[in-house]
Amino acid sequence: MYDRQQMYAGKPQRYGTQRVRKDPSTKEMVLWKIEDPDKVNALRKEMNLPPLEGFPQ
């Protein structure tokens, strides 16, 4: 919920849970901006989420 609220406010997300369409005419999704890309996987681990590797960025 935190990431979604941040995204709606136009701010970077913390956990990397929100994605947006890269181009409105396609279905390709990319991650919304992240607050601290170097720490995102550690934060995800604390929330029992898998690492971001393998997700489009």
Protein backbone atom coordinates (compact mmCIF):
# COMPACT_ATOMS: atom_id res chain seq x y z
CA MET A 1 0.00 0.00 0.00
CA TYR A 2 2.89 2.36 0.77
CA ASP A 3 4.34 2.02 -2.74
CA ARG A 4 0.97 2.61 -4.37
CA GLN A 5 0.35 5.77 -2.34
CA GLN A 6 3.81 7.04 -3.22
CA MET A 7 3.24 6.33 -6.91
CA TYR A 8 -0.12 8.14 -6.94
CA ALA A 9 1.62 11.11 -5.31
CA GLY A 10 4.29 11.03 -8.05
CA LYS A 11 7.00 10.01 -5.59
CA PRO A 12 9.44 7.08 -5.76
CA GLN A 13 8.38 3.78 -4.23
CA ARG A 14 10.27 1.92 -1.52
CA TYR A 15 9.69 -1.80 -2.21
CA GLY A 16 9.41 -2.01 -5.99
CA THR A 17 5.88 -3.39 -6.04
CA GLN A 18 4.38 -0.95 -8.53
CA ARG A 19 4.74 -1.06 -12.28
CA VAL A 20 3.41 1.19 -15.01
CA ARG A 21 2.98 0.85 -18.76
CA LYS A 22 6.14 1.83 -20.59
CA ASP A 23 4.06 3.05 -23.51
CA PRO A 24 0.26 3.43 -23.43
CA SER A 25 -0.03 1.63 -26.77
CA THR A 26 1.69 -1.55 -25.50
CA LYS A 27 1.30 -3.93 -22.60
CA GLU A 28 4.96 -3.72 -21.57
CA MET A 29 5.31 -2.87 -17.88
CA VAL A 30 8.28 -1.26 -16.13
CA LEU A 31 8.99 -0.50 -12.49
CA TRP A 32 7.92 2.86 -11.13
CA LYS A 33 10.89 4.88 -9.78
CA ILE A 34 12.49 3.50 -6.62
CA GLU A 35 13.71 5.56 -3.63
CA ASP A 36 16.93 3.64 -3.06
CA PRO A 37 17.72 1.06 -5.76
CA ASP A 38 20.81 -0.14 -3.84
CA LYS A 39 18.73 -1.10 -0.77
CA VAL A 40 15.48 -2.22 -2.41
CA ASN A 41 16.19 -5.96 -2.21
CA ALA A 42 17.07 -5.73 1.50
CA LEU A 43 13.82 -3.86 2.13
CA ARG A 44 11.90 -6.43 0.06
CA LYS A 45 13.44 -9.25 2.10
CA GLU A 46 12.19 -7.63 5.31
CA MET A 47 8.67 -7.74 3.84
CA ASN A 48 9.03 -11.37 2.64
CA LEU A 49 9.11 -10.33 -1.03
CA PRO A 50 11.46 -11.92 -3.60
CA PRO A 51 14.38 -9.89 -5.01
CA LEU A 52 13.77 -7.72 -8.05
CA GLU A 53 16.19 -9.60 -10.30
CA GLY A 54 14.38 -10.78 -13.38
CA PHE A 55 11.74 -8.03 -13.31
CA PRO A 56 11.78 -5.41 -16.08
CA GLN A 57 13.30 -2.19 -14.81
